[in-house]
PDB file of N, CA and C in Angstrom:
ATOM      1  N   PHE A   1      62.941-138.786 -50.268  1.00  0.00           N
ATOM      2  CA  PHE A   1      63.264-140.349 -50.494  1.00  0.00           C
ATOM      3  C   PHE A   1      64.183-139.900 -51.547  1.00  0.00           C
ATOM      4  N   PHE A   2      64.421-139.804 -52.639  1.00  0.00           N
ATOM      5  CA  PHE A   2      65.167-139.401 -53.862  1.00  0.00           C
ATOM      6  C   PHE A   2      66.708-138.629 -53.448  1.00  0.00           C
ATOM      7  N   LYS A   3      66.443-137.793 -52.381  1.00  0.00           N
ATOM      8  CA  LYS A   3      67.424-136.858 -52.277  1.00  0.00           C
ATOM      9  C   LYS A   3      67.476-136.852 -51.309  1.00  0.00           C
ATOM     10  N   GLU A   4      67.945-137.585 -50.227  1.00  0.00           N
ATOM     11  CA  GLU A   4      68.824-138.634 -49.617  1.00  0.00           C
ATOM     12  C   GLU A   4      69.426-139.098 -50.469  1.00  0.00           C
ATOM     13  N   PHE A   5      69.080-139.568 -51.231  1.00  0.00           N
ATOM     14  CA  PHE A   5      70.649-141.021 -52.225  1.00  0.00           C
ATOM     15  C   PHE A   5      70.403-140.143 -53.369  1.00  0.00           C
ATOM     16  N   GLY A   6      70.620-138.622 -53.201  1.00  0.00           N
ATOM     17  CA  GLY A   6      71.612-137.673 -53.916  1.00  0.00           C
ATOM     18  C   GLY A   6      70.742-137.927 -55.659  1.00  0.00           C
ATOM     19  N   CYS A   7      69.843-138.057 -55.368  1.00  0.00           N
ATOM     20  CA  CYS A   7      68.387-138.642 -56.985  1.00  0.00           C
ATOM     21  C   CYS A   7      67.941-138.121 -57.646  1.00  0.00           C
ATOM     22  N   HIS A   8      68.056-137.343 -58.669  1.00  0.00           N
ATOM     23  CA  HIS A   8      67.751-136.029 -58.517  1.00  0.00           C
ATOM     24  C   HIS A   8      65.770-137.137 -59.960  1.00  0.00           C
ATOM     25  N   TYR A   9      64.905-136.462 -59.005  1.00  0.00           N
ATOM     26  CA  TYR A   9      63.229-137.679 -59.682  1.00  0.00           C
ATOM     27  C   TYR A   9      62.740-135.758 -59.823  1.00  0.00           C
ATOM     28  N   GLU A  10      61.255-136.482 -61.205  1.00  0.00           N
ATOM     29  CA  GLU A  10      61.008-135.501 -62.102  1.00  0.00           C
ATOM     30  C   GLU A  10      59.398-136.498 -61.720  1.00  0.00           C
ATOM     31  N   PRO A  11      57.973-135.892 -61.458  1.00  0.00           N
ATOM     32  CA  PRO A  11      57.131-136.501 -61.869  1.00  0.00           C
ATOM     33  C   PRO A  11      56.676-136.762 -63.640  1.00  0.00           C
ATOM     34  N   LEU A  12      56.511-137.885 -64.015  1.00  0.00           N
ATOM     35  CA  LEU A  12      56.796-137.826 -65.602  1.00  0.00           C
ATOM     36  C   LEU A  12      54.757-138.566 -65.657  1.00  0.00           C
ATOM     37  N   VAL A  13      53.886-137.879 -66.284  1.00  0.00           N
ATOM     38  CA  VAL A  13      52.490-138.511 -66.306  1.00  0.00           C
ATOM     39  C   VAL A  13      52.741-139.072 -67.392  1.00  0.00           C
ATOM     40  N   CYS A  14      51.868-140.219 -66.904  1.00  0.00           N
ATOM     41  CA  CYS A  14      52.171-141.610 -68.284  1.00  0.00           C
ATOM     42  C   CYS A  14      50.847-141.998 -69.037  1.00  0.00           C
ATOM     43  N   TYR A  15      49.691-141.770 -68.529  1.00  0.00           N
ATOM     44  CA  TYR A  15      48.499-141.883 -68.807  1.00  0.00           C
ATOM     45  C   TYR A  15      47.628-140.288 -67.864  1.00  0.00           C
ATOM     46  N   THR A  16      46.546-140.021 -68.677  1.00  0.00           N
ATOM     47  CA  THR A  16      44.292-139.486 -67.714  1.00  0.00           C
ATOM     48  C   THR A  16      43.898-140.148 -68.608  1.00  0.00           C
ATOM     49  N   SER A  17      43.046-140.336 -67.609  1.00  0.00           N
ATOM     50  CA  SER A  17      41.473-140.962 -68.619  1.00  0.00           C
ATOM     51  C   SER A  17      40.190-139.894 -67.405  1.00  0.00           C
ATOM     52  N   GLU A  18      39.682-140.271 -68.713  1.00  0.00           N
ATOM     53  CA  GLU A  18      38.552-139.223 -68.599  1.00  0.00           C
ATOM     54  C   GLU A  18      37.108-139.677 -67.847  1.00  0.00           C
ATOM     55  N   LYS A  19      36.571-138.881 -67.465  1.00  0.00           N
ATOM     56  CA  LYS A  19      35.209-139.362 -66.691  1.00  0.00           C
ATOM     57  C   LYS A  19      33.829-139.362 -67.767  1.00  0.00           C
ATOM     58  N   LYS A  20      33.574-140.407 -67.913  1.00  0.00           N
ATOM     59  CA  LYS A  20      32.167-140.340 -69.206  1.00  0.00           C
ATOM     60  C   LYS A  20      31.616-141.835 -68.825  1.00  0.00           C
ATOM     61  N   ASN A  21      29.850-141.216 -68.179  1.00  0.00           N
ATOM     62  CA  ASN A  21      28.891-142.019 -68.140  1.00  0.00           C
ATOM     63  C   ASN A  21      28.730-142.247 -69.706  1.00  0.00           C
ATOM     64  N   THR A  22      28.832-143.833 -69.697  1.00  0.00           N
ATOM     65  CA  THR A  22      28.288-144.291 -70.850  1.00  0.00           C
ATOM     66  C   THR A  22      27.271-144.506 -70.827  1.00  0.00           C
ATOM     67  N   LYS A  23      26.648-144.281 -70.459  1.00  0.00           N
ATOM     68  CA  LYS A  23      25.455-145.038 -70.850  1.00  0.00           C
ATOM     69  C   LYS A  23      24.023-144.353 -69.789  1.00  0.00           C
ATOM     70  N   PRO A  24      23.700-142.687 -69.933  1.00  0.00           N
ATOM     71  CA  PRO A  24      23.283-142.220 -69.690  1.00  0.00           C
ATOM     72  C   PRO A  24      21.805-142.224 -69.023  1.00  0.00           C
ATOM     73  N   GLU A  25      21.275-143.212 -70.326  1.00  0.00           N
ATOM     74  CA  GLU A  25      20.191-143.349 -70.220  1.00  0.00           C
ATOM     75  C   GLU A  25      19.800-144.688 -69.228  1.00  0.00           C
ATOM     76  N   ILE A  26      20.164-146.046 -68.785  1.00  0.00           N
ATOM     77  CA  ILE A  26      20.184-146.642 -67.621  1.00  0.00           C
ATOM     78  C   ILE A  26      20.738-146.174 -66.607  1.00  0.00           C
ATOM     79  N   PHE A  27      21.568-144.626 -66.405  1.00  0.00           N
ATOM     80  CA  PHE A  27      21.723-144.380 -65.351  1.00  0.00           C
ATOM     81  C   PHE A  27      20.121-143.405 -64.511  1.00  0.00           C
ATOM     82  N   GLU A  28      19.562-142.530 -65.492  1.00  0.00           N
ATOM     83  CA  GLU A  28      18.815-141.605 -65.392  1.00  0.00           C
ATOM     84  C   GLU A  28      17.511-142.635 -64.539  1.00  0.00           C
ATOM     85  N   ASN A  29      17.581-144.052 -65.528  1.00  0.00           N
ATOM     86  CA  ASN A  29      16.282-144.151 -65.553  1.00  0.00           C
ATOM     87  C   ASN A  29      16.808-145.458 -64.009  1.00  0.00           C
ATOM     88  N   PHE A  30      17.608-145.594 -64.034  1.00  0.00           N
ATOM     89  CA  PHE A  30      18.277-146.007 -61.866  1.00  0.00           C
ATOM     90  C   PHE A  30      17.028-145.357 -61.125  1.00  0.00           C
ATOM     91  N   PHE A  31      17.279-144.035 -61.193  1.00  0.00           N
ATOM     92  CA  PHE A  31      16.796-142.807 -60.408  1.00  0.00           C
ATOM     93  C   PHE A  31      15.418-142.683 -60.700  1.00  0.00           C
ATOM     94  N   LEU A  32      15.012-142.860 -61.454  1.00  0.00           N
ATOM     95  CA  LEU A  32      13.121-142.160 -61.793  1.00  0.00           C
ATOM     96  C   LEU A  32      12.433-143.757 -61.827  1.00  0.00           C
ATOM     97  N   SER A  33      12.501-144.366 -62.149  1.00  0.00           N
ATOM     98  CA  SER A  33      11.614-145.361 -62.669  1.00  0.00           C
ATOM     99  C   SER A  33      12.173-146.576 -60.759  1.00  0.00           C
ATOM    100  N   CYS A  34      12.688-146.397 -60.041  1.00  0.00           N
ATOM    101  CA  CYS A  34      13.471-147.971 -59.230  1.00  0.00           C
ATOM    102  C   CYS A  34      12.611-147.147 -58.054  1.00  0.00           C
ATOM    103  N   LYS A  35      12.193-147.120 -56.954  1.00  0.00           N
ATOM    104  CA  LYS A  35      11.913-146.574 -55.207  1.00  0.00           C
ATOM    105  C   LYS A  35      12.730-146.871 -55.037  1.00  0.00           C
ATOM    106  N   ASP A  36      14.315-147.513 -54.785  1.00  0.00           N
ATOM    107  CA  ASP A  36      14.844-147.645 -53.945  1.00  0.00           C
ATOM    108  C   ASP A  36      15.966-148.516 -54.745  1.00  0.00           C
ATOM    109  N   GLY A  37      16.766-148.647 -54.448  1.00  0.00           N
ATOM    110  CA  GLY A  37      18.408-149.375 -54.562  1.00  0.00           C
ATOM    111  C   GLY A  37      19.541-149.270 -53.847  1.00  0.00           C
ATOM    112  N   ILE A  38      20.397-149.700 -54.619  1.00  0.00           N
ATOM    113  CA  ILE A  38      21.451-150.141 -53.966  1.00  0.00           C
ATOM    114  C   ILE A  38      23.315-149.569 -55.045  1.00  0.00           C
ATOM    115  N   VAL A  39      23.760-148.393 -54.670  1.00  0.00           N
ATOM    116  CA  VAL A  39      24.850-147.257 -55.331  1.00  0.00           C
ATOM    117  C   VAL A  39      26.265-148.058 -54.305  1.00  0.00           C
ATOM    118  N   THR A  40      26.916-148.820 -55.360  1.00  0.00           N
ATOM    119  CA  THR A  40      27.945-149.071 -54.517  1.00  0.00           C
ATOM    120  C   THR A  40      29.361-148.323 -55.489  1.00  0.00           C
ATOM    121  N   LEU A  41      29.667-147.450 -54.574  1.00  0.00           N
ATOM    122  CA  LEU A  41      31.043-146.755 -54.617  1.00  0.00           C
ATOM    123  C   LEU A  41      31.908-146.813 -54.404  1.00  0.00           C
ATOM    124  N   PHE A  42      33.828-147.181 -55.075  1.00  0.00           N
ATOM    125  CA  PHE A  42      34.945-147.683 -55.058  1.00  0.00           C
ATOM    126  C   PHE A  42      35.761-147.105 -54.442  1.00  0.00           C
ATOM    127  N   SER A  43      36.033-145.120 -55.735  1.00  0.00           N
ATOM    128  CA  SER A  43      37.061-144.259 -55.055  1.00  0.00           C
ATOM    129  C   SER A  43      36.295-143.324 -55.067  1.00  0.00           C
ATOM    130  N   LYS A  44      36.842-142.226 -54.227  1.00  0.00           N
ATOM    131  CA  LYS A  44      36.344-141.284 -53.848  1.00  0.00           C
ATOM    132  C   LYS A  44      36.462-140.295 -55.778  1.00  0.00           C
ATOM    133  N   ARG A  45      37.691-140.383 -56.244  1.00  0.00           N
ATOM    134  CA  ARG A  45      37.078-140.127 -58.055  1.00  0.00           C
ATOM    135  C   ARG A  45      35.294-140.122 -58.218  1.00  0.00           C
ATOM    136  N   THR A  46      35.298-141.826 -58.133  1.00  0.00           N
ATOM    137  CA  THR A  46      34.008-142.428 -58.471  1.00  0.00           C
ATOM    138  C   THR A  46      33.038-142.075 -57.727  1.00  0.00           C
ATOM    139  N   ALA A  47      33.382-141.584 -56.773  1.00  0.00           N
ATOM    140  CA  ALA A  47      31.757-140.788 -55.927  1.00  0.00           C
ATOM    141  C   ALA A  47      31.918-139.900 -56.996  1.00  0.00           C
ATOM    142  N   MET A  48      32.686-138.651 -56.926  1.00  0.00           N
ATOM    143  CA  MET A  48      32.904-137.318 -57.318  1.00  0.00           C
ATOM    144  C   MET A  48      32.265-136.981 -58.918  1.00  0.00           C
ATOM    145  N   SER A  49      32.267-138.720 -59.155  1.00  0.00           N
ATOM    146  CA  SER A  49      31.822-138.594 -60.578  1.00  0.00           C
ATOM    147  C   SER A  49      30.494-138.868 -60.923  1.00  0.00           C
ATOM    148  N   PHE A  50      30.238-139.764 -60.156  1.00  0.00           N
ATOM    149  CA  PHE A  50      28.650-139.367 -59.596  1.00  0.00           C
ATOM    150  C   PHE A  50      27.696-139.038 -58.945  1.00  0.00           C
ATOM    151  N   VAL A  51      28.138-137.382 -58.091  1.00  0.00           N
ATOM    152  CA  VAL A  51      27.841-136.221 -57.582  1.00  0.00           C
ATOM    153  C   VAL A  51      28.265-135.522 -59.567  1.00  0.00           C
ATOM    154  N   ASN A  52      28.323-135.137 -59.528  1.00  0.00           N
ATOM    155  CA  ASN A  52      28.380-134.504 -61.215  1.00  0.00           C
ATOM    156  C   ASN A  52      27.035-135.207 -62.258  1.00  0.00           C
ATOM    157  N   GLU A  53      27.380-136.288 -61.743  1.00  0.00           N
ATOM    158  CA  GLU A  53      25.886-136.444 -62.693  1.00  0.00           C
ATOM    159  C   GLU A  53      24.262-136.891 -62.289  1.00  0.00           C
ATOM    160  N   ILE A  54      24.768-136.907 -61.135  1.00  0.00           N
ATOM    161  CA  ILE A  54      22.695-136.696 -60.485  1.00  0.00           C
ATOM    162  C   ILE A  54      23.248-135.057 -60.315  1.00  0.00           C
ATOM    163  N   SER A  55      24.464-134.124 -60.284  1.00  0.00           N
ATOM    164  CA  SER A  55      23.777-132.696 -60.132  1.00  0.00           C
ATOM    165  C   SER A  55      23.599-132.183 -62.011  1.00  0.00           C
ATOM    166  N   LYS A  56      24.042-132.631 -62.707  1.00  0.00           N
ATOM    167  CA  LYS A  56      23.775-132.243 -63.753  1.00  0.00           C
ATOM    168  C   LYS A  56      21.943-132.564 -64.418  1.00  0.00           C
ATOM    169  N   LYS A  57      21.903-134.150 -63.870  1.00  0.00           N
ATOM    170  CA  LYS A  57      20.669-134.132 -64.130  1.00  0.00           C
ATOM    171  C   LYS A  57      19.594-134.107 -63.342  1.00  0.00           C
ATOM    172  N   ASN A  58      20.128-132.968 -61.987  1.00  0.00           N
ATOM    173  CA  ASN A  58      18.832-133.048 -61.672  1.00  0.00           C
ATOM    174  C   ASN A  58      18.576-133.756 -60.537  1.00  0.00           C
ATOM    175  N   LEU A  59      18.738-135.043 -60.297  1.00  0.00           N
ATOM    176  CA  LEU A  59      18.591-136.055 -59.597  1.00  0.00           C
ATOM    177  C   LEU A  59      18.744-135.919 -57.819  1.00  0.00           C
ATOM    178  N   LEU A  60      19.449-135.443 -57.636  1.00  0.00           N
ATOM    179  CA  LEU A  60      20.042-135.241 -55.799  1.00  0.00           C
ATOM    180  C   LEU A  60      18.693-135.756 -55.044  1.00  0.00           C
ATOM    181  N   ASP A  61      17.857-134.772 -55.320  1.00  0.00           N
ATOM    182  CA  ASP A  61      16.728-135.872 -54.461  1.00  0.00           C
ATOM    183  C   ASP A  61      16.726-137.078 -54.259  1.00  0.00           C
ATOM    184  N   LYS A  62      16.526-137.610 -55.693  1.00  0.00           N
ATOM    185  CA  LYS A  62      16.290-139.337 -55.820  1.00  0.00           C
ATOM    186  C   LYS A  62      17.212-140.130 -54.909  1.00  0.00           C
ATOM    187  N   CYS A  63      18.383-139.606 -54.266  1.00  0.00           N
ATOM    188  CA  CYS A  63      19.494-140.123 -53.871  1.00  0.00           C
ATOM    189  C   CYS A  63      18.519-140.177 -52.741  1.00  0.00           C
ATOM    190  N   LYS A  64      18.228-140.226 -51.939  1.00  0.00           N
ATOM    191  CA  LYS A  64      17.305-139.707 -50.754  1.00  0.00           C
ATOM    192  C   LYS A  64      17.167-141.563 -51.212  1.00  0.00           C
ATOM    193  N   LYS A  65      16.890-142.027 -51.853  1.00  0.00           N
ATOM    194  CA  LYS A  65      16.059-143.336 -51.402  1.00  0.00           C
ATOM    195  C   LYS A  65      16.806-143.787 -51.691  1.00  0.00           C
ATOM    196  N   ARG A  66      17.875-144.185 -52.299  1.00  0.00           N
ATOM    197  CA  ARG A  66      19.137-145.051 -52.251  1.00  0.00           C
ATOM    198  C   ARG A  66      20.139-144.891 -51.102  1.00  0.00           C
ATOM    199  N   LYS A  67      20.749-146.598 -50.493  1.00  0.00           N
ATOM    200  CA  LYS A  67      21.450-147.010 -50.201  1.00  0.00           C
ATOM    201  C   LYS A  67      23.067-146.555 -50.875  1.00  0.00           C
ATOM    202  N   ILE A  68      23.706-146.106 -50.068  1.00  0.00           N
ATOM    203  CA  ILE A  68      25.483-145.641 -50.739  1.00  0.00           C
ATOM    204  C   ILE A  68      25.827-146.497 -49.749  1.00  0.00           C
ATOM    205  N   LEU A  69      26.674-147.255 -51.049  1.00  0.00           N
ATOM    206  CA  LEU A  69      28.114-147.840 -50.180  1.00  0.00           C
ATOM    207  C   LEU A  69      29.384-147.557 -50.412  1.00  0.00           C
ATOM    208  N   VAL A  70      30.562-147.490 -49.588  1.00  0.00           N
ATOM    209  CA  VAL A  70      31.141-147.144 -49.837  1.00  0.00           C
ATOM    210  C   VAL A  70      32.455-147.622 -49.220  1.00  0.00           C
ATOM    211  N   LEU A  71      33.827-147.497 -49.739  1.00  0.00           N
ATOM    212  CA  LEU A  71      34.514-148.124 -49.055  1.00  0.00           C
ATOM    213  C   LEU A  71      35.280-147.649 -47.902  1.00  0.00           C
ATOM    214  N   SER A  72      35.138-146.620 -47.683  1.00  0.00           N
ATOM    215  CA  SER A  72      35.948-145.760 -46.706  1.00  0.00           C
ATOM    216  C   SER A  72      35.114-144.267 -46.382  1.00  0.00           C
ATOM    217  N   ASN A  73      35.191-143.511 -45.139  1.00  0.00           N
ATOM    218  CA  ASN A  73      34.858-142.735 -44.530  1.00  0.00           C
ATOM    219  C   ASN A  73      35.179-141.454 -45.062  1.00  0.00           C
ATOM    220  N   GLU A  74      36.207-141.646 -45.816  1.00  0.00           N
ATOM    221  CA  GLU A  74      37.350-140.264 -46.607  1.00  0.00           C
ATOM    222  C   GLU A  74      35.920-140.613 -48.022  1.00  0.00           C
ATOM    223  N   ILE A  75      35.585-141.362 -48.905  1.00  0.00           N
ATOM    224  CA  ILE A  75      34.835-141.301 -49.964  1.00  0.00           C
ATOM    225  C   ILE A  75      33.690-140.800 -49.112  1.00  0.00           C
ATOM    226  N   LYS A  76      32.897-141.487 -48.278  1.00  0.00           N
ATOM    227  CA  LYS A  76      31.615-140.933 -47.352  1.00  0.00           C
ATOM    228  C   LYS A  76      31.490-139.376 -46.950  1.00  0.00           C
ATOM    229  N   ASN A  77      32.592-138.828 -46.227  1.00  0.00           N
ATOM    230  CA  ASN A  77      33.162-137.561 -46.085  1.00  0.00           C
ATOM    231  C   ASN A  77      32.545-136.527 -47.154  1.00  0.00           C
ATOM    232  N   ALA A  78      33.202-137.035 -48.442  1.00  0.00           N
ATOM    233  CA  ALA A  78      33.187-136.288 -50.080  1.00  0.00           C
ATOM    234  C   ALA A  78      31.485-135.903 -49.931  1.00  0.00           C
ATOM    235  N   LEU A  79      30.706-137.574 -50.013  1.00  0.00           N
ATOM    236  CA  LEU A  79      28.883-137.576 -50.460  1.00  0.00           C
ATOM    237  C   LEU A  79      28.160-136.820 -49.233  1.00  0.00           C
ATOM    238  N   GLU A  80      28.606-136.477 -47.935  1.00  0.00           N
ATOM    239  CA  GLU A  80      28.085-135.756 -47.323  1.00  0.00           C
ATOM    240  C   GLU A  80      28.005-134.323 -47.830  1.00  0.00           C
ATOM    241  N   ILE A  81      29.203-133.448 -48.076  1.00  0.00           N
ATOM    242  CA  ILE A  81      29.389-132.252 -48.883  1.00  0.00           C
ATOM    243  C   ILE A  81      28.831-131.711 -49.744  1.00  0.00           C
ATOM    244  N   HIS A  82      27.662-132.881 -50.262  1.00  0.00           N
ATOM    245  CA  HIS A  82      27.204-132.461 -51.442  1.00  0.00           C
ATOM    246  C   HIS A  82      25.475-132.944 -50.916  1.00  0.00           C
ATOM    247  N   GLN A  83      25.092-132.850 -49.529  1.00  0.00           N
ATOM    248  CA  GLN A  83      24.023-133.135 -49.043  1.00  0.00           C
ATOM    249  C   GLN A  83      23.383-134.501 -49.441  1.00  0.00           C
ATOM    250  N   ILE A  84      24.273-136.197 -49.670  1.00  0.00           N
ATOM    251  CA  ILE A  84      24.013-137.005 -49.910  1.00  0.00           C
ATOM    252  C   ILE A  84      24.051-138.050 -48.305  1.00  0.00           C
ATOM    253  N   HIS A  85      23.479-138.802 -48.425  1.00  0.00           N
ATOM    254  CA  HIS A  85      23.177-139.792 -46.567  1.00  0.00           C
ATOM    255  C   HIS A  85      22.973-140.836 -46.663  1.00  0.00           C
ATOM    256  N   ASN A  86      22.869-141.675 -46.213  1.00  0.00           N
ATOM    257  CA  ASN A  86      21.901-142.529 -46.014  1.00  0.00           C
ATOM    258  C   ASN A  86      23.534-143.921 -46.448  1.00  0.00           C
ATOM    259  N   ILE A  87      24.698-143.361 -46.457  1.00  0.00           N
ATOM    260  CA  ILE A  87      25.744-143.629 -47.203  1.00  0.00           C
ATOM    261  C   ILE A  87      26.367-144.576 -45.487  1.00  0.00           C
ATOM    262  N   PHE A  88      26.958-146.133 -46.455  1.00  0.00           N
ATOM    263  CA  PHE A  88      26.982-147.205 -45.229  1.00  0.00           C
ATOM    264  C   PHE A  88      28.580-147.764 -46.205  1.00  0.00           C
ATOM    265  N   VAL A  89      29.280-147.519 -44.774  1.00  0.00           N
ATOM    266  CA  VAL A  89      30.789-147.939 -45.165  1.00  0.00           C
ATOM    267  C   VAL A  89      31.085-149.032 -45.133  1.00  0.00           C
ATOM    268  N   THR A  90      31.979-150.228 -45.122  1.00  0.00           N
ATOM    269  CA  THR A  90      32.125-150.833 -45.408  1.00  0.00           C
ATOM    270  C   THR A  90      33.052-150.928 -43.993  1.00  0.00           C
ATOM    271  N   LYS A  91      32.962-152.689 -43.866  1.00  0.00           N
ATOM    272  CA  LYS A  91      34.099-152.297 -42.588  1.00  0.00           C
ATOM    273  C   LYS A  91      35.868-152.135 -42.286  1.00  0.00           C
ATOM    274  N   LYS A  92      35.445-152.886 -43.442  1.00  0.00           N
ATOM    275  CA  LYS A  92      37.205-152.552 -44.812  1.00  0.00           C
ATOM    276  C   LYS A  92      37.756-152.057 -46.075  1.00  0.00           C
ATOM    277  N   PRO A  93      38.514-151.487 -46.501  1.00  0.00           N
ATOM    278  CA  PRO A  93      38.359-150.734 -48.047  1.00  0.00           C
ATOM    279  C   PRO A  93      39.135-152.583 -48.429  1.00  0.00           C
ATOM    280  N   ASN A  94      38.046-152.827 -49.314  1.00  0.00           N
ATOM    281  CA  ASN A  94      38.152-154.070 -50.308  1.00  0.00           C
ATOM    282  C   ASN A  94      37.029-154.769 -50.489  1.00  0.00           C
ATOM    283  N   GLU A  95      36.645-155.455 -52.127  1.00  0.00           N
ATOM    284  CA  GLU A  95      35.728-155.511 -52.378  1.00  0.00           C
ATOM    285  C   GLU A  95      35.345-156.976 -51.789  1.00  0.00           C
ATOM    286  N   ASN A  96      35.593-157.907 -50.907  1.00  0.00           N
ATOM    287  CA  ASN A  96      34.789-158.573 -50.080  1.00  0.00           C
ATOM    288  C   ASN A  96      34.517-158.384 -48.932  1.00  0.00           C
ATOM    289  N   SER A  97      34.714-157.334 -48.744  1.00  0.00           N
ATOM    290  CA  SER A  97      34.168-156.188 -47.814  1.00  0.00           C
ATOM    291  C   SER A  97      32.564-155.813 -48.080  1.00  0.00           C
ATOM    292  N   MET A  98      32.904-155.386 -49.065  1.00  0.00           N
ATOM    293  CA  MET A  98      31.907-154.723 -50.343  1.00  0.00           C
ATOM    294  C   MET A  98      30.445-155.851 -50.123  1.00  0.00           C
ATOM    295  N   ILE A  99      31.023-156.905 -50.535  1.00  0.00           N
ATOM    296  CA  ILE A  99      30.620-157.913 -50.943  1.00  0.00           C
ATOM    297  C   ILE A  99      29.239-158.420 -49.647  1.00  0.00           C
ATOM    298  N   LYS A 100      30.123-158.355 -48.840  1.00  0.00           N
ATOM    299  CA  LYS A 100      28.757-158.866 -47.025  1.00  0.00           C
ATOM    300  C   LYS A 100      28.565-157.697 -47.112  1.00  0.00           C
ATOM    301  N   LEU A 101      28.559-156.284 -46.731  1.00  0.00           N
ATOM    302  CA  LEU A 101      27.334-155.509 -46.538  1.00  0.00           C
ATOM    303  C   LEU A 101      26.845-154.702 -47.737  1.00  0.00           C
ATOM    304  N   ILE A 102      26.806-155.602 -49.180  1.00  0.00           N
ATOM    305  CA  ILE A 102      24.896-155.845 -49.650  1.00  0.00           C
ATOM    306  C   ILE A 102      25.295-157.190 -49.480  1.00  0.00           C
ATOM    307  N   GLU A 103      25.190-158.206 -48.932  1.00  0.00           N
ATOM    308  CA  GLU A 103      24.662-159.516 -48.623  1.00  0.00           C
ATOM    309  C   GLU A 103      23.814-159.004 -47.344  1.00  0.00           C
ATOM    310  N   GLU A 104      24.626-158.498 -46.463  1.00  0.00           N
ATOM    311  CA  GLU A 104      23.242-157.504 -44.715  1.00  0.00           C
ATOM    312  C   GLU A 104      22.265-157.192 -45.506  1.00  0.00           C
ATOM    313  N   ILE A 105      22.765-156.028 -46.487  1.00  0.00           N
ATOM    314  CA  ILE A 105      21.482-155.281 -46.898  1.00  0.00           C
ATOM    315  C   ILE A 105      20.486-155.951 -47.686  1.00  0.00           C
ATOM    316  N   SER A 106      20.675-156.547 -48.882  1.00  0.00           N
ATOM    317  CA  SER A 106      19.505-157.303 -49.295  1.00  0.00           C
ATOM    318  C   SER A 106      19.102-158.579 -48.449  1.00  0.00           C
ATOM    319  N   ASP A 107      19.587-159.263 -47.130  1.00  0.00           N
ATOM    320  CA  ASP A 107      19.173-159.970 -46.277  1.00  0.00           C
ATOM    321  C   ASP A 107      17.853-158.707 -45.581  1.00  0.00           C
ATOM    322  N   GLY A 108      17.978-158.232 -45.698  1.00  0.00           N
ATOM    323  CA  GLY A 108      17.235-157.688 -44.943  1.00  0.00           C
ATOM    324  C   GLY A 108      17.295-157.025 -43.371  1.00  0.00           C
ATOM    325  N   GLY A 109      18.365-156.692 -43.446  1.00  0.00           N
ATOM    326  CA  GLY A 109      19.744-156.450 -42.280  1.00  0.00           C
ATOM    327  C   GLY A 109      19.003-154.950 -41.527  1.00  0.00           C
ATOM    328  N   LEU A 110      19.651-153.845 -42.843  1.00  0.00           N
ATOM    329  CA  LEU A 110      20.533-152.995 -43.472  1.00  0.00           C
ATOM    330  C   LEU A 110      19.273-152.508 -44.339  1.00  0.00           C
ATOM    331  N   PHE A 111      17.886-152.452 -45.046  1.00  0.00           N
ATOM    332  CA  PHE A 111      17.551-152.521 -45.859  1.00  0.00           C
ATOM    333  C   PHE A 111      15.877-152.268 -45.237  1.00  0.00           C
ATOM    334  N   ASN A 112      15.210-152.432 -44.489  1.00  0.00           N
ATOM    335  CA  ASN A 112      13.989-152.425 -43.902  1.00  0.00           C
ATOM    336  C   ASN A 112      14.158-151.371 -43.181  1.00  0.00           C
TER     337      ASN A 112
END
């Protein structure tokens, strides 16, 4: 786009972010003490952070009993590569669609 108008463009990094599990004991307890549960992931980056955490803590087997809710097939595919299944994709990639999916699962439609 910029070259078409004769502009010189250089990307400038404005910020960086650090992935950090601020409550590792709660995270681990969720997988060890709850027999079922729902995990919501809103981005591929968060999904990869999730995979790193469950791998570090050797909790991958515990994910089999959890319902994983994601906003897109791209996120779902990234999780399936790591042998995580039982993934539900929202109809639309937005918060309202995620809430509707949680309600469907919680009302028993997909939870049983």
